Amino acid sequence: MRYMIFVTSDESLWASATPKQREEIYGKYIQYTEEMRKAGVLLGGESLQPTSKGARVSIRNGERVVVNGPFGEPTAIGGHVLIKVNSKEEAIEWAAKSPGAVYGTMEVREVTEFG
């Protein structure tokens, strides 16, 4: 089964981190990624730019509505990891190993398989 793990955290924590703190966090993510790669569960994943560089798009009454970030919520999705494992419990175990679990929340969602 494939699972998407969303990394959510308070963007202000990252913005206020020192360069040394950011380097340490990146190092932990590199180790985490390498561990998943060696275990053969990693399918992909990426870090996202802050919401201040994003936009939300919707259609209301037939009109396109665009709201540029930041969006006001204190927590935001900062990245994602796609893994292939045998169970939800195994996906939760991988989510718990993420450095993001210390700084924010990891949301684990099974990918719907179409076809």
N, C-alpha and C. Protein backbone atom coordinates (compact mmCIF):
# COMPACT_ATOMS: atom_id res chain seq x y z
N MET A 1 0.84 -1.17 0.00
CA MET A 1 0.00 0.00 0.00
C MET A 1 0.88 1.24 0.00
N ARG A 2 0.40 2.26 -0.69
CA ARG A 2 1.13 3.52 -0.70
C ARG A 2 0.50 4.48 0.30
N TYR A 3 1.35 5.20 1.00
CA TYR A 3 0.91 6.20 1.96
C TYR A 3 1.63 7.51 1.71
N MET A 4 0.87 8.61 1.81
CA MET A 4 1.45 9.94 1.75
C MET A 4 1.54 10.44 3.19
N ILE A 5 2.71 10.92 3.53
CA ILE A 5 2.93 11.49 4.85
C ILE A 5 3.14 12.99 4.65
N PHE A 6 2.22 13.79 5.19
CA PHE A 6 2.32 15.24 5.09
C PHE A 6 3.01 15.78 6.35
N VAL A 7 3.96 16.66 6.14
CA VAL A 7 4.68 17.28 7.24
C VAL A 7 4.06 18.66 7.47
N THR A 8 3.46 18.86 8.65
CA THR A 8 2.88 20.16 8.96
C THR A 8 3.56 20.74 10.18
N SER A 9 3.77 22.05 10.14
CA SER A 9 4.40 22.71 11.28
C SER A 9 4.09 24.20 11.23
N ASP A 10 4.49 24.88 12.27
CA ASP A 10 4.33 26.32 12.38
C ASP A 10 5.44 26.98 11.56
N GLU A 11 5.08 27.66 10.50
CA GLU A 11 6.07 28.28 9.63
C GLU A 11 6.94 29.31 10.34
N SER A 12 6.41 29.92 11.38
CA SER A 12 7.19 30.93 12.09
C SER A 12 8.39 30.32 12.81
N LEU A 13 8.29 29.04 13.19
CA LEU A 13 9.43 28.38 13.83
C LEU A 13 10.61 28.27 12.86
N TRP A 14 10.33 27.89 11.62
CA TRP A 14 11.38 27.78 10.61
C TRP A 14 11.95 29.16 10.29
N ALA A 15 11.06 30.13 10.16
CA ALA A 15 11.50 31.48 9.82
C ALA A 15 12.42 32.07 10.89
N SER A 16 12.19 31.69 12.14
CA SER A 16 12.99 32.24 13.24
C SER A 16 14.21 31.38 13.58
N ALA A 17 14.37 30.24 12.91
CA ALA A 17 15.51 29.36 13.18
C ALA A 17 16.80 30.00 12.67
N THR A 18 17.87 29.75 13.40
CA THR A 18 19.17 30.24 12.97
C THR A 18 19.69 29.37 11.82
N PRO A 19 20.65 29.86 11.06
CA PRO A 19 21.23 29.02 10.00
C PRO A 19 21.77 27.69 10.54
N LYS A 20 22.38 27.71 11.72
CA LYS A 20 22.90 26.47 12.32
C LYS A 20 21.75 25.51 12.64
N GLN A 21 20.65 26.02 13.19
CA GLN A 21 19.50 25.17 13.50
C GLN A 21 18.91 24.57 12.22
N ARG A 22 18.81 25.38 11.17
CA ARG A 22 18.29 24.88 9.89
C ARG A 22 19.19 23.78 9.34
N GLU A 23 20.49 23.97 9.42
CA GLU A 23 21.45 22.97 8.94
C GLU A 23 21.30 21.66 9.70
N GLU A 24 21.11 21.75 11.01
CA GLU A 24 20.91 20.55 11.83
C GLU A 24 19.64 19.82 11.43
N ILE A 25 18.58 20.57 11.21
CA ILE A 25 17.30 19.96 10.82
C ILE A 25 17.44 19.30 9.45
N TYR A 26 18.06 20.00 8.50
CA TYR A 26 18.28 19.41 7.18
C TYR A 26 19.07 18.11 7.29
N GLY A 27 20.10 18.10 8.13
CA GLY A 27 20.90 16.89 8.33
C GLY A 27 20.06 15.73 8.82
N LYS A 28 19.15 16.01 9.75
CA LYS A 28 18.26 14.96 10.25
C LYS A 28 17.33 14.44 9.16
N TYR A 29 16.85 15.34 8.30
CA TYR A 29 15.99 14.91 7.19
C TYR A 29 16.78 14.07 6.19
N ILE A 30 18.03 14.41 5.95
CA ILE A 30 18.86 13.62 5.04
C ILE A 30 19.04 12.21 5.59
N GLN A 31 19.31 12.09 6.90
CA GLN A 31 19.45 10.77 7.52
C GLN A 31 18.15 9.98 7.43
N TYR A 32 17.03 10.63 7.71
CA TYR A 32 15.71 10.00 7.65
C TYR A 32 15.43 9.49 6.23
N THR A 33 15.71 10.32 5.25
CA THR A 33 15.48 9.94 3.86
C THR A 33 16.35 8.76 3.47
N GLU A 34 17.60 8.79 3.88
CA GLU A 34 18.51 7.68 3.57
C GLU A 34 18.04 6.38 4.23
N GLU A 35 17.54 6.47 5.44
CA GLU A 35 17.01 5.28 6.13
C GLU A 35 15.83 4.69 5.37
N MET A 36 14.93 5.53 4.88
CA MET A 36 13.79 5.04 4.11
C MET A 36 14.26 4.45 2.78
N ARG A 37 15.24 5.09 2.16
CA ARG A 37 15.77 4.60 0.89
C ARG A 37 16.38 3.21 1.07
N LYS A 38 17.20 3.05 2.12
CA LYS A 38 17.83 1.75 2.39
C LYS A 38 16.81 0.67 2.70
N ALA A 39 15.71 1.05 3.34
CA ALA A 39 14.66 0.08 3.68
C ALA A 39 13.79 -0.26 2.46
N GLY A 40 13.94 0.51 1.38
CA GLY A 40 13.18 0.24 0.17
C GLY A 40 11.74 0.72 0.21
N VAL A 41 11.41 1.64 1.10
CA VAL A 41 10.02 2.10 1.21
C VAL A 41 9.78 3.46 0.55
N LEU A 42 10.83 4.21 0.30
CA LEU A 42 10.69 5.57 -0.21
C LEU A 42 10.37 5.58 -1.70
N LEU A 43 9.26 6.23 -2.06
CA LEU A 43 8.88 6.40 -3.45
C LEU A 43 9.15 7.83 -3.92
N GLY A 44 9.12 8.78 -3.00
CA GLY A 44 9.36 10.17 -3.36
C GLY A 44 9.04 11.09 -2.20
N GLY A 45 9.32 12.35 -2.40
CA GLY A 45 9.02 13.33 -1.38
C GLY A 45 9.70 14.64 -1.69
N GLU A 46 9.14 15.71 -1.17
CA GLU A 46 9.68 17.03 -1.42
C GLU A 46 9.34 17.98 -0.29
N SER A 47 10.17 18.97 -0.16
CA SER A 47 9.91 20.08 0.77
C SER A 47 9.22 21.18 -0.02
N LEU A 48 8.35 21.91 0.62
CA LEU A 48 7.62 22.98 -0.04
C LEU A 48 8.08 24.35 0.44
N GLN A 49 7.98 25.32 -0.43
CA GLN A 49 8.25 26.71 -0.06
C GLN A 49 7.16 27.16 0.91
N PRO A 50 7.40 28.23 1.67
CA PRO A 50 6.39 28.69 2.63
C PRO A 50 5.12 29.18 1.94
N THR A 51 4.04 29.24 2.70
CA THR A 51 2.75 29.66 2.14
C THR A 51 2.81 31.08 1.59
N SER A 52 3.75 31.88 2.05
CA SER A 52 3.87 33.25 1.52
C SER A 52 4.19 33.25 0.03
N LYS A 53 4.70 32.15 -0.49
CA LYS A 53 5.03 32.04 -1.90
C LYS A 53 3.96 31.27 -2.68
N GLY A 54 2.89 30.88 -1.99
CA GLY A 54 1.85 30.07 -2.62
C GLY A 54 0.58 30.84 -2.91
N ALA A 55 -0.39 30.12 -3.43
CA ALA A 55 -1.71 30.68 -3.71
C ALA A 55 -2.75 29.59 -3.56
N ARG A 56 -3.94 29.97 -3.22
CA ARG A 56 -5.09 29.05 -3.19
C ARG A 56 -6.03 29.46 -4.31
N VAL A 57 -6.50 28.48 -5.06
CA VAL A 57 -7.35 28.74 -6.22
C VAL A 57 -8.66 27.98 -6.05
N SER A 58 -9.76 28.66 -6.32
CA SER A 58 -11.07 28.02 -6.29
C SER A 58 -11.96 28.68 -7.34
N ILE A 59 -13.06 28.03 -7.63
CA ILE A 59 -14.07 28.59 -8.54
C ILE A 59 -15.33 28.81 -7.72
N ARG A 60 -15.81 30.04 -7.67
CA ARG A 60 -17.03 30.39 -6.95
C ARG A 60 -17.95 31.15 -7.90
N ASN A 61 -19.19 30.64 -8.03
CA ASN A 61 -20.16 31.25 -8.93
C ASN A 61 -19.59 31.41 -10.34
N GLY A 62 -18.82 30.41 -10.78
CA GLY A 62 -18.25 30.42 -12.11
C GLY A 62 -17.04 31.32 -12.28
N GLU A 63 -16.59 31.96 -11.21
CA GLU A 63 -15.44 32.86 -11.28
C GLU A 63 -14.25 32.28 -10.53
N ARG A 64 -13.09 32.48 -11.11
CA ARG A 64 -11.87 32.04 -10.46
C ARG A 64 -11.51 33.00 -9.33
N VAL A 65 -11.23 32.43 -8.17
CA VAL A 65 -10.82 33.21 -7.00
C VAL A 65 -9.41 32.76 -6.62
N VAL A 66 -8.49 33.70 -6.54
CA VAL A 66 -7.11 33.40 -6.17
C VAL A 66 -6.78 34.18 -4.91
N VAL A 67 -6.31 33.46 -3.90
CA VAL A 67 -5.86 34.09 -2.65
C VAL A 67 -4.38 33.80 -2.53
N ASN A 68 -3.58 34.85 -2.56
CA ASN A 68 -2.13 34.68 -2.41
C ASN A 68 -1.79 34.53 -0.94
N GLY A 69 -0.77 33.71 -0.67
CA GLY A 69 -0.34 33.48 0.70
C GLY A 69 0.43 34.66 1.24
N PRO A 70 0.71 34.68 2.53
CA PRO A 70 0.40 33.61 3.48
C PRO A 70 -1.09 33.57 3.81
N PHE A 71 -1.52 32.44 4.33
CA PHE A 71 -2.94 32.20 4.50
C PHE A 71 -3.48 32.46 5.89
N GLY A 72 -2.64 32.73 6.85
CA GLY A 72 -3.11 33.10 8.18
C GLY A 72 -3.10 32.00 9.21
N GLU A 73 -3.18 30.73 8.77
CA GLU A 73 -3.13 29.64 9.74
C GLU A 73 -1.70 29.51 10.27
N PRO A 74 -1.56 29.22 11.55
CA PRO A 74 -0.21 29.10 12.08
C PRO A 74 0.52 27.87 11.56
N THR A 75 -0.19 26.80 11.24
CA THR A 75 0.47 25.60 10.73
C THR A 75 0.18 25.44 9.25
N ALA A 76 1.15 24.87 8.55
CA ALA A 76 1.01 24.69 7.11
C ALA A 76 1.75 23.43 6.70
N ILE A 77 1.38 22.90 5.54
CA ILE A 77 2.08 21.74 4.99
C ILE A 77 3.44 22.23 4.49
N GLY A 78 4.49 21.62 5.01
CA GLY A 78 5.84 22.02 4.63
C GLY A 78 6.50 21.05 3.69
N GLY A 79 5.88 19.90 3.48
CA GLY A 79 6.44 18.91 2.59
C GLY A 79 5.66 17.61 2.66
N HIS A 80 6.11 16.64 1.89
CA HIS A 80 5.44 15.34 1.89
C HIS A 80 6.43 14.25 1.55
N VAL A 81 6.08 13.05 1.94
CA VAL A 81 6.86 11.86 1.63
C VAL A 81 5.87 10.80 1.15
N LEU A 82 6.21 10.12 0.07
CA LEU A 82 5.39 9.03 -0.44
C LEU A 82 6.15 7.73 -0.21
N ILE A 83 5.51 6.80 0.50
CA ILE A 83 6.15 5.53 0.83
C ILE A 83 5.26 4.36 0.42
N LYS A 84 5.87 3.20 0.28
CA LYS A 84 5.13 1.97 0.02
C LYS A 84 5.48 1.00 1.12
N VAL A 85 4.46 0.65 1.91
CA VAL A 85 4.63 -0.24 3.05
C VAL A 85 3.48 -1.24 3.09
N ASN A 86 3.52 -2.15 4.05
CA ASN A 86 2.51 -3.21 4.13
C ASN A 86 1.29 -2.88 4.96
N SER A 87 1.35 -1.80 5.77
CA SER A 87 0.22 -1.51 6.64
C SER A 87 0.23 -0.06 7.09
N LYS A 88 -0.90 0.38 7.60
CA LYS A 88 -1.01 1.72 8.17
C LYS A 88 -0.07 1.85 9.37
N GLU A 89 0.03 0.79 10.15
CA GLU A 89 0.90 0.82 11.33
C GLU A 89 2.35 1.06 10.93
N GLU A 90 2.78 0.42 9.84
CA GLU A 90 4.15 0.62 9.36
C GLU A 90 4.34 2.06 8.87
N ALA A 91 3.34 2.60 8.20
CA ALA A 91 3.41 4.00 7.75
C ALA A 91 3.51 4.94 8.95
N ILE A 92 2.78 4.64 10.00
CA ILE A 92 2.83 5.46 11.22
C ILE A 92 4.22 5.38 11.85
N GLU A 93 4.82 4.20 11.82
CA GLU A 93 6.17 4.05 12.36
C GLU A 93 7.16 4.95 11.61
N TRP A 94 7.05 4.96 10.27
CA TRP A 94 7.94 5.82 9.49
C TRP A 94 7.67 7.30 9.76
N ALA A 95 6.40 7.66 9.91
CA ALA A 95 6.06 9.05 10.21
C ALA A 95 6.64 9.48 11.56
N ALA A 96 6.61 8.59 12.52
CA ALA A 96 7.12 8.90 13.86
C ALA A 96 8.64 9.08 13.86
N LYS A 97 9.33 8.48 12.90
CA LYS A 97 10.79 8.63 12.81
C LYS A 97 11.21 9.96 12.17
N SER A 98 10.27 10.65 11.55
CA SER A 98 10.60 11.89 10.84
C SER A 98 10.99 13.00 11.81
N PRO A 99 11.99 13.80 11.45
CA PRO A 99 12.30 14.98 12.26
C PRO A 99 11.09 15.91 12.38
N GLY A 100 10.23 15.88 11.38
CA GLY A 100 9.04 16.72 11.41
C GLY A 100 8.08 16.40 12.53
N ALA A 101 8.13 15.17 13.03
CA ALA A 101 7.26 14.78 14.14
C ALA A 101 7.65 15.51 15.42
N VAL A 102 8.90 15.93 15.52
CA VAL A 102 9.38 16.65 16.70
C VAL A 102 8.95 18.11 16.64
N TYR A 103 8.96 18.68 15.44
CA TYR A 103 8.69 20.11 15.27
C TYR A 103 7.25 20.42 14.90
N GLY A 104 6.52 19.42 14.43
CA GLY A 104 5.15 19.64 13.98
C GLY A 104 4.35 18.36 14.09
N THR A 105 3.53 18.12 13.08
CA THR A 105 2.66 16.95 13.06
C THR A 105 2.80 16.25 11.72
N MET A 106 2.81 14.95 11.76
CA MET A 106 2.86 14.15 10.54
C MET A 106 1.46 13.59 10.30
N GLU A 107 0.90 13.86 9.14
CA GLU A 107 -0.41 13.32 8.78
C GLU A 107 -0.20 12.17 7.81
N VAL A 108 -0.69 10.99 8.16
CA VAL A 108 -0.51 9.78 7.37
C VAL A 108 -1.82 9.45 6.67
N ARG A 109 -1.78 9.36 5.32
CA ARG A 109 -2.98 9.08 4.56
C ARG A 109 -2.69 8.03 3.49
N GLU A 110 -3.52 7.00 3.44
CA GLU A 110 -3.36 5.99 2.40
C GLU A 110 -3.75 6.59 1.06
N VAL A 111 -2.99 6.26 0.02
CA VAL A 111 -3.27 6.72 -1.32
C VAL A 111 -4.36 5.84 -1.93
N THR A 112 -5.37 6.47 -2.52
CA THR A 112 -6.42 5.72 -3.19
C THR A 112 -5.89 5.22 -4.52
N GLU A 113 -6.03 3.93 -4.73
CA GLU A 113 -5.56 3.32 -5.97
C GLU A 113 -6.74 3.25 -6.94
N PHE A 114 -6.62 3.91 -8.07
CA PHE A 114 -7.66 3.87 -9.09
C PHE A 114 -7.30 2.86 -10.16
N GLY A 115 -8.33 2.17 -10.66
CA GLY A 115 -8.10 1.26 -11.77
C GLY A 115 -7.74 -0.12 -11.39
